[in-house]
Amino acid sequence: MAKDDEGEAEGGEGKKGLKGLLANKKLVIAAGGGLLLLLVGGGGAAFMMMGGEPDPAETAKQIVEEQQPTAYYYDLPVMILNLSTTENHAAYVKLQVALELSDENMLKLVEPNMPRVLDAFQTYMRELRVSDLQGSAGLYRLKEELQRRINIAVYPARVDDVLFKNVIVQ
């Protein structure tokens, strides 16, 4: 009987061992599935956080391009003008200027009035002294005054800005 008890005990353990093995497989599969789900979910979350959204720099660039109106530019010829002096030596300024216009229609209105624009430049610039053009404040005042005089000369057209490409004072 001891052998039978042992056989039953072994048989019981054998069944219990098989049930335990099946239970372990289920546990391993469940753990593997959970790990897979965690990896896929974590990868998806990382993708959304890192690469899912557009680059802020590109977004800002697109916004600026959409908001910025197209401007048209008209280059004036290079001008060399003598300045007013009280001394015996002459003083000159060399200017390269571009006019900023809002649209192509303004460009068509400004071109026929170029002699008036150049005359406005010549008469105003000849009255300036070298000290009037020194520093950023002097150039700013020059820019504002030239824009005002040009807008008078080309009316009803409008020049949005006077852009200095080159200013040399000697």
N, C-alpha and C. Protein backbone atom coordinates (compact mmCIF):
# COMPACT_ATOMS: atom_id res chain seq x y z
N MET A 1 0.77 -1.17 0.00
CA MET A 1 0.00 0.00 0.00
C MET A 1 0.82 1.25 0.00
N ALA A 2 1.89 1.17 0.51
CA ALA A 2 2.76 2.32 0.53
C ALA A 2 3.14 2.72 -0.86
N LYS A 3 3.28 1.66 -1.73
CA LYS A 3 3.61 1.98 -3.10
C LYS A 3 2.43 2.64 -3.79
N ASP A 4 1.22 2.13 -3.51
CA ASP A 4 0.05 2.74 -4.12
C ASP A 4 -0.12 4.17 -3.64
N ASP A 5 0.11 4.36 -2.37
CA ASP A 5 0.01 5.73 -1.86
C ASP A 5 1.04 6.63 -2.53
N GLU A 6 2.19 6.00 -2.71
CA GLU A 6 3.22 6.80 -3.37
C GLU A 6 2.85 7.07 -4.83
N GLY A 7 2.24 6.04 -5.50
CA GLY A 7 1.84 6.21 -6.90
C GLY A 7 0.76 7.26 -7.03
N GLU A 8 -0.19 7.18 -6.10
CA GLU A 8 -1.24 8.19 -6.14
C GLU A 8 -0.66 9.57 -5.87
N ALA A 9 0.27 9.52 -4.93
CA ALA A 9 0.89 10.79 -4.62
C ALA A 9 1.66 11.30 -5.82
N GLU A 10 2.37 10.39 -6.49
CA GLU A 10 3.11 10.82 -7.69
C GLU A 10 2.15 11.22 -8.79
N GLY A 11 1.08 10.42 -8.95
CA GLY A 11 0.10 10.73 -9.98
C GLY A 11 -0.58 12.05 -9.69
N GLY A 12 -0.85 12.28 -8.42
CA GLY A 12 -1.47 13.55 -8.03
C GLY A 12 -0.54 14.70 -8.31
N GLU A 13 0.74 14.44 -8.02
CA GLU A 13 1.70 15.50 -8.30
C GLU A 13 1.85 15.70 -9.80
N GLY A 14 1.74 14.61 -10.53
CA GLY A 14 1.88 14.71 -11.99
C GLY A 14 0.76 15.55 -12.56
N LYS A 15 -0.45 15.32 -12.08
CA LYS A 15 -1.57 16.13 -12.55
C LYS A 15 -1.43 17.56 -12.07
N LYS A 16 -1.03 17.67 -10.83
CA LYS A 16 -0.84 18.99 -10.26
C LYS A 16 0.27 19.72 -11.00
N GLY A 17 1.33 19.00 -11.38
CA GLY A 17 2.44 19.58 -12.12
C GLY A 17 2.01 20.04 -13.50
N LEU A 18 1.13 19.26 -14.15
CA LEU A 18 0.62 19.63 -15.47
C LEU A 18 -0.27 20.86 -15.36
N LYS A 19 -1.14 20.87 -14.34
CA LYS A 19 -1.98 22.04 -14.11
C LYS A 19 -1.13 23.26 -13.78
N GLY A 20 -0.09 23.06 -13.01
CA GLY A 20 0.82 24.15 -12.64
C GLY A 20 1.56 24.67 -13.87
N LEU A 21 1.94 23.73 -14.76
CA LEU A 21 2.63 24.14 -15.98
C LEU A 21 1.71 24.94 -16.88
N LEU A 22 0.44 24.49 -17.00
CA LEU A 22 -0.53 25.22 -17.81
C LEU A 22 -0.80 26.60 -17.20
N ALA A 23 -0.90 26.63 -15.89
CA ALA A 23 -1.12 27.90 -15.21
C ALA A 23 0.07 28.83 -15.44
N ASN A 24 1.28 28.27 -15.43
CA ASN A 24 2.48 29.07 -15.68
C ASN A 24 2.51 29.58 -17.12
N LYS A 25 2.05 28.75 -18.08
CA LYS A 25 2.01 29.20 -19.48
C LYS A 25 1.04 30.36 -19.64
N LYS A 26 -0.10 30.23 -19.00
CA LYS A 26 -1.08 31.33 -19.07
C LYS A 26 -0.50 32.60 -18.46
N LEU A 27 0.23 32.42 -17.37
CA LEU A 27 0.86 33.56 -16.71
C LEU A 27 1.93 34.17 -17.59
N VAL A 28 2.72 33.32 -18.25
CA VAL A 28 3.78 33.80 -19.14
C VAL A 28 3.17 34.52 -20.34
N ILE A 29 2.10 33.94 -20.92
CA ILE A 29 1.44 34.56 -22.08
C ILE A 29 0.81 35.90 -21.68
N ALA A 30 0.16 35.91 -20.53
CA ALA A 30 -0.46 37.15 -20.05
C ALA A 30 0.61 38.21 -19.79
N ALA A 31 1.70 37.80 -19.18
CA ALA A 31 2.78 38.76 -18.91
C ALA A 31 3.40 39.25 -20.21
N GLY A 32 3.60 38.35 -21.17
CA GLY A 32 4.16 38.75 -22.48
C GLY A 32 3.23 39.70 -23.22
N GLY A 33 1.91 39.37 -23.17
CA GLY A 33 0.92 40.25 -23.81
C GLY A 33 0.90 41.63 -23.16
N GLY A 34 0.98 41.64 -21.84
CA GLY A 34 1.00 42.91 -21.12
C GLY A 34 2.24 43.73 -21.45
N LEU A 35 3.37 43.04 -21.55
CA LEU A 35 4.62 43.71 -21.90
C LEU A 35 4.56 44.27 -23.32
N LEU A 36 4.00 43.48 -24.26
CA LEU A 36 3.84 43.93 -25.64
C LEU A 36 2.93 45.16 -25.69
N LEU A 37 1.83 45.09 -24.97
CA LEU A 37 0.90 46.23 -24.92
C LEU A 37 1.58 47.47 -24.35
N LEU A 38 2.39 47.28 -23.32
CA LEU A 38 3.12 48.39 -22.71
C LEU A 38 4.11 49.00 -23.69
N LEU A 39 4.83 48.16 -24.42
CA LEU A 39 5.80 48.66 -25.39
C LEU A 39 5.12 49.41 -26.53
N VAL A 40 4.04 48.85 -27.07
CA VAL A 40 3.33 49.51 -28.17
C VAL A 40 2.73 50.83 -27.69
N GLY A 41 2.10 50.80 -26.53
CA GLY A 41 1.51 52.03 -25.98
C GLY A 41 2.56 53.08 -25.68
N GLY A 42 3.68 52.65 -25.09
CA GLY A 42 4.77 53.58 -24.79
C GLY A 42 5.39 54.16 -26.05
N GLY A 43 5.57 53.31 -27.06
CA GLY A 43 6.12 53.79 -28.34
C GLY A 43 5.19 54.78 -29.01
N GLY A 44 3.89 54.49 -28.97
CA GLY A 44 2.90 55.41 -29.54
C GLY A 44 2.90 56.74 -28.81
N ALA A 45 2.98 56.67 -27.49
CA ALA A 45 3.01 57.91 -26.70
C ALA A 45 4.27 58.71 -26.99
N ALA A 46 5.40 58.01 -27.11
CA ALA A 46 6.65 58.70 -27.43
C ALA A 46 6.58 59.33 -28.80
N PHE A 47 5.98 58.63 -29.76
CA PHE A 47 5.83 59.19 -31.11
C PHE A 47 4.98 60.46 -31.09
N MET A 48 3.87 60.39 -30.34
CA MET A 48 2.99 61.55 -30.26
C MET A 48 3.67 62.73 -29.59
N MET A 49 4.47 62.45 -28.57
CA MET A 49 5.12 63.54 -27.84
C MET A 49 6.28 64.13 -28.62
N MET A 50 7.04 63.28 -29.31
CA MET A 50 8.24 63.76 -30.00
C MET A 50 7.97 64.14 -31.45
N GLY A 51 7.44 63.24 -32.20
CA GLY A 51 7.36 63.48 -33.63
C GLY A 51 5.95 63.67 -34.13
N GLY A 52 4.97 63.52 -33.32
CA GLY A 52 3.60 63.61 -33.78
C GLY A 52 3.18 65.03 -34.08
N GLU A 53 3.71 66.00 -33.38
CA GLU A 53 3.34 67.40 -33.58
C GLU A 53 4.33 68.04 -34.55
N PRO A 54 3.89 69.05 -35.34
CA PRO A 54 4.82 69.73 -36.25
C PRO A 54 5.86 70.53 -35.47
N ASP A 55 6.98 70.76 -36.11
CA ASP A 55 8.07 71.52 -35.52
C ASP A 55 7.62 72.97 -35.29
N PRO A 56 7.80 73.52 -34.08
CA PRO A 56 7.36 74.89 -33.81
C PRO A 56 8.02 75.92 -34.73
N ALA A 57 9.26 75.69 -35.12
CA ALA A 57 9.95 76.64 -36.00
C ALA A 57 9.28 76.67 -37.37
N GLU A 58 8.90 75.49 -37.88
CA GLU A 58 8.24 75.44 -39.18
C GLU A 58 6.85 76.06 -39.10
N THR A 59 6.16 75.84 -38.01
CA THR A 59 4.84 76.43 -37.83
C THR A 59 4.94 77.96 -37.80
N ALA A 60 5.91 78.48 -37.08
CA ALA A 60 6.10 79.94 -37.01
C ALA A 60 6.46 80.50 -38.38
N LYS A 61 7.28 79.78 -39.13
CA LYS A 61 7.67 80.23 -40.48
C LYS A 61 6.45 80.30 -41.39
N GLN A 62 5.57 79.30 -41.32
CA GLN A 62 4.36 79.30 -42.13
C GLN A 62 3.44 80.45 -41.76
N ILE A 63 3.31 80.75 -40.48
CA ILE A 63 2.45 81.84 -40.04
C ILE A 63 2.98 83.18 -40.55
N VAL A 64 4.30 83.37 -40.47
CA VAL A 64 4.91 84.62 -40.94
C VAL A 64 4.71 84.76 -42.45
N GLU A 65 4.88 83.67 -43.20
CA GLU A 65 4.70 83.74 -44.66
C GLU A 65 3.27 84.07 -45.02
N GLU A 66 2.30 83.55 -44.27
CA GLU A 66 0.91 83.83 -44.55
C GLU A 66 0.53 85.27 -44.22
N GLN A 67 1.12 85.82 -43.17
CA GLN A 67 0.76 87.17 -42.74
C GLN A 67 1.51 88.25 -43.49
N GLN A 68 2.67 87.93 -44.02
CA GLN A 68 3.51 88.94 -44.63
C GLN A 68 3.03 89.23 -46.06
N PRO A 69 2.63 90.47 -46.32
CA PRO A 69 2.19 90.80 -47.68
C PRO A 69 3.39 90.88 -48.62
N THR A 70 3.12 90.67 -49.87
CA THR A 70 4.17 90.75 -50.88
C THR A 70 4.49 92.21 -51.14
N ALA A 71 5.76 92.52 -51.19
CA ALA A 71 6.19 93.89 -51.45
C ALA A 71 6.92 93.93 -52.79
N TYR A 72 6.85 95.07 -53.42
CA TYR A 72 7.54 95.29 -54.69
C TYR A 72 8.58 96.38 -54.46
N TYR A 73 9.71 96.25 -55.14
CA TYR A 73 10.81 97.19 -54.94
C TYR A 73 11.19 97.81 -56.28
N TYR A 74 11.51 99.09 -56.20
CA TYR A 74 11.96 99.82 -57.38
C TYR A 74 13.31 100.44 -57.03
N ASP A 75 14.34 100.04 -57.77
CA ASP A 75 15.69 100.56 -57.52
C ASP A 75 15.88 101.87 -58.26
N LEU A 76 16.28 102.88 -57.52
CA LEU A 76 16.63 104.16 -58.13
C LEU A 76 18.07 104.09 -58.62
N PRO A 77 18.43 104.91 -59.59
CA PRO A 77 19.82 104.90 -60.03
C PRO A 77 20.75 105.39 -58.91
N VAL A 78 22.00 104.98 -58.97
CA VAL A 78 23.00 105.43 -57.99
C VAL A 78 23.16 106.94 -58.15
N MET A 79 23.13 107.64 -57.02
CA MET A 79 23.24 109.10 -57.05
C MET A 79 24.48 109.53 -56.28
N ILE A 80 25.24 110.42 -56.87
CA ILE A 80 26.36 111.06 -56.19
C ILE A 80 26.03 112.54 -56.13
N LEU A 81 25.90 113.05 -54.92
CA LEU A 81 25.47 114.43 -54.72
C LEU A 81 26.48 115.17 -53.86
N ASN A 82 26.67 116.47 -54.15
CA ASN A 82 27.52 117.27 -53.27
C ASN A 82 26.64 117.88 -52.19
N LEU A 83 27.21 117.94 -50.99
CA LEU A 83 26.49 118.46 -49.83
C LEU A 83 26.87 119.91 -49.59
N SER A 84 26.06 120.60 -48.84
CA SER A 84 26.31 121.99 -48.49
C SER A 84 27.44 122.05 -47.46
N THR A 85 28.44 122.90 -47.74
CA THR A 85 29.55 123.08 -46.80
C THR A 85 29.88 124.56 -46.69
N THR A 86 30.44 124.92 -45.55
CA THR A 86 30.91 126.29 -45.37
C THR A 86 32.43 126.33 -45.52
N GLU A 87 33.02 125.16 -45.54
CA GLU A 87 34.48 125.08 -45.66
C GLU A 87 34.88 125.10 -47.13
N ASN A 88 36.20 125.14 -47.37
CA ASN A 88 36.70 125.20 -48.73
C ASN A 88 36.69 123.86 -49.46
N HIS A 89 36.59 122.76 -48.73
CA HIS A 89 36.60 121.46 -49.41
C HIS A 89 35.18 120.96 -49.63
N ALA A 90 35.00 120.20 -50.70
CA ALA A 90 33.67 119.69 -51.06
C ALA A 90 33.37 118.41 -50.28
N ALA A 91 32.10 118.19 -50.04
CA ALA A 91 31.64 116.96 -49.39
C ALA A 91 30.61 116.31 -50.31
N TYR A 92 30.71 114.98 -50.42
CA TYR A 92 29.83 114.24 -51.32
C TYR A 92 29.15 113.10 -50.58
N VAL A 93 28.01 112.71 -51.11
CA VAL A 93 27.31 111.53 -50.61
C VAL A 93 26.95 110.67 -51.83
N LYS A 94 27.19 109.38 -51.68
CA LYS A 94 26.81 108.43 -52.72
C LYS A 94 25.68 107.59 -52.14
N LEU A 95 24.54 107.55 -52.84
CA LEU A 95 23.35 106.85 -52.36
C LEU A 95 22.90 105.78 -53.35
N GLN A 96 22.58 104.63 -52.81
CA GLN A 96 21.85 103.61 -53.56
C GLN A 96 20.58 103.37 -52.78
N VAL A 97 19.44 103.61 -53.42
CA VAL A 97 18.15 103.58 -52.73
C VAL A 97 17.17 102.69 -53.49
N ALA A 98 16.34 101.98 -52.74
CA ALA A 98 15.22 101.22 -53.31
C ALA A 98 13.94 101.73 -52.66
N LEU A 99 12.89 101.79 -53.44
CA LEU A 99 11.58 102.20 -52.93
C LEU A 99 10.73 100.95 -52.74
N GLU A 100 10.09 100.84 -51.59
CA GLU A 100 9.21 99.71 -51.32
C GLU A 100 7.78 100.13 -51.61
N LEU A 101 7.11 99.32 -52.44
CA LEU A 101 5.75 99.60 -52.86
C LEU A 101 4.85 98.43 -52.48
N SER A 102 3.58 98.71 -52.24
CA SER A 102 2.67 97.66 -51.76
C SER A 102 2.21 96.71 -52.85
N ASP A 103 2.05 97.19 -54.06
CA ASP A 103 1.60 96.30 -55.13
C ASP A 103 2.12 96.75 -56.49
N GLU A 104 1.83 95.94 -57.48
CA GLU A 104 2.35 96.20 -58.83
C GLU A 104 1.72 97.44 -59.45
N ASN A 105 0.48 97.75 -59.08
CA ASN A 105 -0.18 98.95 -59.61
C ASN A 105 0.56 100.22 -59.17
N MET A 106 1.04 100.23 -57.93
CA MET A 106 1.82 101.37 -57.44
C MET A 106 3.10 101.53 -58.25
N LEU A 107 3.69 100.41 -58.61
CA LEU A 107 4.92 100.42 -59.40
C LEU A 107 4.67 101.10 -60.74
N LYS A 108 3.52 100.79 -61.34
CA LYS A 108 3.17 101.39 -62.64
C LYS A 108 2.89 102.89 -62.52
N LEU A 109 2.42 103.32 -61.35
CA LEU A 109 2.15 104.74 -61.14
C LEU A 109 3.42 105.53 -60.80
N VAL A 110 4.39 104.87 -60.16
CA VAL A 110 5.62 105.56 -59.74
C VAL A 110 6.59 105.75 -60.90
N GLU A 111 6.70 104.77 -61.77
CA GLU A 111 7.69 104.83 -62.86
C GLU A 111 7.59 106.09 -63.72
N PRO A 112 6.40 106.50 -64.14
CA PRO A 112 6.33 107.73 -64.95
C PRO A 112 6.73 108.99 -64.19
N ASN A 113 6.70 108.94 -62.86
CA ASN A 113 7.03 110.11 -62.04
C ASN A 113 8.47 110.10 -61.54
N MET A 114 9.32 109.26 -62.09
CA MET A 114 10.70 109.18 -61.64
C MET A 114 11.46 110.51 -61.77
N PRO A 115 11.26 111.30 -62.81
CA PRO A 115 11.96 112.60 -62.84
C PRO A 115 11.61 113.48 -61.64
N ARG A 116 10.36 113.46 -61.20
CA ARG A 116 9.97 114.23 -60.02
C ARG A 116 10.64 113.69 -58.76
N VAL A 117 10.72 112.35 -58.64
CA VAL A 117 11.34 111.72 -57.48
C VAL A 117 12.82 112.11 -57.42
N LEU A 118 13.52 112.01 -58.54
CA LEU A 118 14.94 112.35 -58.57
C LEU A 118 15.17 113.82 -58.28
N ASP A 119 14.27 114.67 -58.77
CA ASP A 119 14.37 116.10 -58.48
C ASP A 119 14.19 116.35 -56.98
N ALA A 120 13.23 115.66 -56.36
CA ALA A 120 13.01 115.82 -54.92
C ALA A 120 14.26 115.41 -54.15
N PHE A 121 14.91 114.32 -54.58
CA PHE A 121 16.16 113.89 -53.94
C PHE A 121 17.23 114.96 -54.10
N GLN A 122 17.43 115.41 -55.31
CA GLN A 122 18.51 116.36 -55.60
C GLN A 122 18.37 117.65 -54.80
N THR A 123 17.18 118.23 -54.84
CA THR A 123 17.01 119.53 -54.18
C THR A 123 17.12 119.42 -52.67
N TYR A 124 16.62 118.34 -52.10
CA TYR A 124 16.71 118.19 -50.66
C TYR A 124 18.13 117.86 -50.21
N MET A 125 18.78 116.95 -50.90
CA MET A 125 20.11 116.49 -50.48
C MET A 125 21.17 117.59 -50.60
N ARG A 126 21.03 118.48 -51.54
CA ARG A 126 22.04 119.53 -51.72
C ARG A 126 22.04 120.54 -50.58
N GLU A 127 20.97 120.59 -49.82
CA GLU A 127 20.89 121.50 -48.69
C GLU A 127 21.41 120.88 -47.39
N LEU A 128 21.68 119.60 -47.40
CA LEU A 128 22.15 118.91 -46.19
C LEU A 128 23.63 119.13 -45.97
N ARG A 129 24.03 119.06 -44.71
CA ARG A 129 25.44 119.12 -44.33
C ARG A 129 25.89 117.71 -43.94
N VAL A 130 27.18 117.52 -43.85
CA VAL A 130 27.72 116.21 -43.45
C VAL A 130 27.21 115.84 -42.06
N SER A 131 27.12 116.80 -41.18
CA SER A 131 26.66 116.53 -39.81
C SER A 131 25.20 116.05 -39.79
N ASP A 132 24.41 116.44 -40.80
CA ASP A 132 23.01 115.99 -40.86
C ASP A 132 22.90 114.49 -41.14
N LEU A 133 23.93 113.90 -41.73
CA LEU A 133 23.89 112.49 -42.11
C LEU A 133 24.64 111.58 -41.16
N GLN A 134 25.17 112.12 -40.10
CA GLN A 134 25.96 111.31 -39.19
C GLN A 134 25.07 110.55 -38.21
N GLY A 135 25.44 109.30 -37.97
CA GLY A 135 24.72 108.47 -37.01
C GLY A 135 23.43 107.90 -37.55
N SER A 136 22.88 106.98 -36.79
CA SER A 136 21.64 106.32 -37.21
C SER A 136 20.46 107.29 -37.16
N ALA A 137 20.48 108.23 -36.23
CA ALA A 137 19.39 109.20 -36.15
C ALA A 137 19.35 110.09 -37.39
N GLY A 138 20.52 110.47 -37.88
CA GLY A 138 20.59 111.30 -39.09
C GLY A 138 20.06 110.55 -40.30
N LEU A 139 20.42 109.28 -40.43
CA LEU A 139 19.92 108.49 -41.56
C LEU A 139 18.42 108.25 -41.44
N TYR A 140 17.94 108.08 -40.23
CA TYR A 140 16.51 107.88 -40.03
C TYR A 140 15.73 109.13 -40.45
N ARG A 141 16.22 110.30 -40.04
CA ARG A 141 15.56 111.55 -40.44
C ARG A 141 15.58 111.72 -41.95
N LEU A 142 16.71 111.37 -42.57
CA LEU A 142 16.83 111.45 -44.03
C LEU A 142 15.82 110.53 -44.69
N LYS A 143 15.71 109.31 -44.20
CA LYS A 143 14.78 108.33 -44.75
C LYS A 143 13.34 108.85 -44.66
N GLU A 144 12.95 109.37 -43.51
CA GLU A 144 11.59 109.86 -43.31
C GLU A 144 11.29 111.05 -44.22
N GLU A 145 12.25 111.98 -44.33
CA GLU A 145 12.03 113.16 -45.17
C GLU A 145 11.96 112.79 -46.64
N LEU A 146 12.81 111.87 -47.08
CA LEU A 146 12.78 111.44 -48.48
C LEU A 146 11.46 110.73 -48.79
N GLN A 147 10.99 109.91 -47.88
CA GLN A 147 9.72 109.22 -48.10
C GLN A 147 8.57 110.22 -48.22
N ARG A 148 8.59 111.23 -47.35
CA ARG A 148 7.54 112.26 -47.41
C ARG A 148 7.57 112.99 -48.74
N ARG A 149 8.76 113.39 -49.19
CA ARG A 149 8.89 114.13 -50.45
C ARG A 149 8.54 113.26 -51.66
N ILE A 150 8.92 111.99 -51.61
CA ILE A 150 8.59 111.09 -52.73
C ILE A 150 7.08 110.89 -52.81
N ASN A 151 6.43 110.70 -51.67
CA ASN A 151 4.97 110.51 -51.70
C ASN A 151 4.25 111.73 -52.24
N ILE A 152 4.78 112.90 -51.99
CA ILE A 152 4.20 114.12 -52.58
C ILE A 152 4.41 114.10 -54.10
N ALA A 153 5.58 113.68 -54.54
CA ALA A 153 5.91 113.68 -55.97
C ALA A 153 5.13 112.64 -56.76
N VAL A 154 4.78 111.52 -56.16
CA VAL A 154 4.13 110.44 -56.91
C VAL A 154 2.63 110.33 -56.61
N TYR A 155 2.07 111.26 -55.85
CA TYR A 155 0.67 111.19 -55.50
C TYR A 155 -0.18 111.01 -56.74
N PRO A 156 -1.12 110.13 -56.79
CA PRO A 156 -1.87 109.37 -55.79
C PRO A 156 -1.22 108.03 -55.39
N ALA A 157 -0.12 107.69 -56.01
CA ALA A 157 0.59 106.47 -55.60
C ALA A 157 1.20 106.69 -54.22
N ARG A 158 1.61 105.61 -53.59
CA ARG A 158 2.19 105.72 -52.25
C ARG A 158 3.39 104.80 -52.14
N VAL A 159 4.50 105.35 -51.65
CA VAL A 159 5.72 104.59 -51.37
C VAL A 159 5.69 104.23 -49.90
N ASP A 160 5.78 102.93 -49.59
CA ASP A 160 5.69 102.47 -48.21
C ASP A 160 6.96 102.71 -47.42
N ASP A 161 8.12 102.63 -48.10
CA ASP A 161 9.38 102.81 -47.37
C ASP A 161 10.48 103.17 -48.35
N VAL A 162 11.47 103.86 -47.85
CA VAL A 162 12.70 104.17 -48.58
C VAL A 162 13.79 103.32 -47.94
N LEU A 163 14.42 102.48 -48.74
CA LEU A 163 15.42 101.56 -48.22
C LEU A 163 16.79 101.96 -48.74
N PHE A 164 17.73 102.19 -47.83
CA PHE A 164 19.09 102.53 -48.22
C PHE A 164 19.86 101.25 -48.47
N LYS A 165 20.39 101.14 -49.67
CA LYS A 165 21.25 100.00 -49.99
C LYS A 165 22.70 100.34 -49.68
N ASN A 166 23.03 101.60 -49.91
CA ASN A 166 24.41 102.03 -49.70
C ASN A 166 24.40 103.54 -49.47
N VAL A 167 25.08 103.99 -48.43
CA VAL A 167 25.23 105.42 -48.16
C VAL A 167 26.69 105.65 -47.80
N ILE A 168 27.35 106.43 -48.64
CA ILE A 168 28.76 106.75 -48.39
C ILE A 168 28.89 108.26 -48.37
N VAL A 169 29.43 108.80 -47.28
CA VAL A 169 29.62 110.24 -47.13
C VAL A 169 31.13 110.49 -47.11
N GLN A 170 31.59 111.42 -48.00
CA GLN A 170 33.01 111.79 -48.04
C GLN A 170 33.16 113.28 -47.89
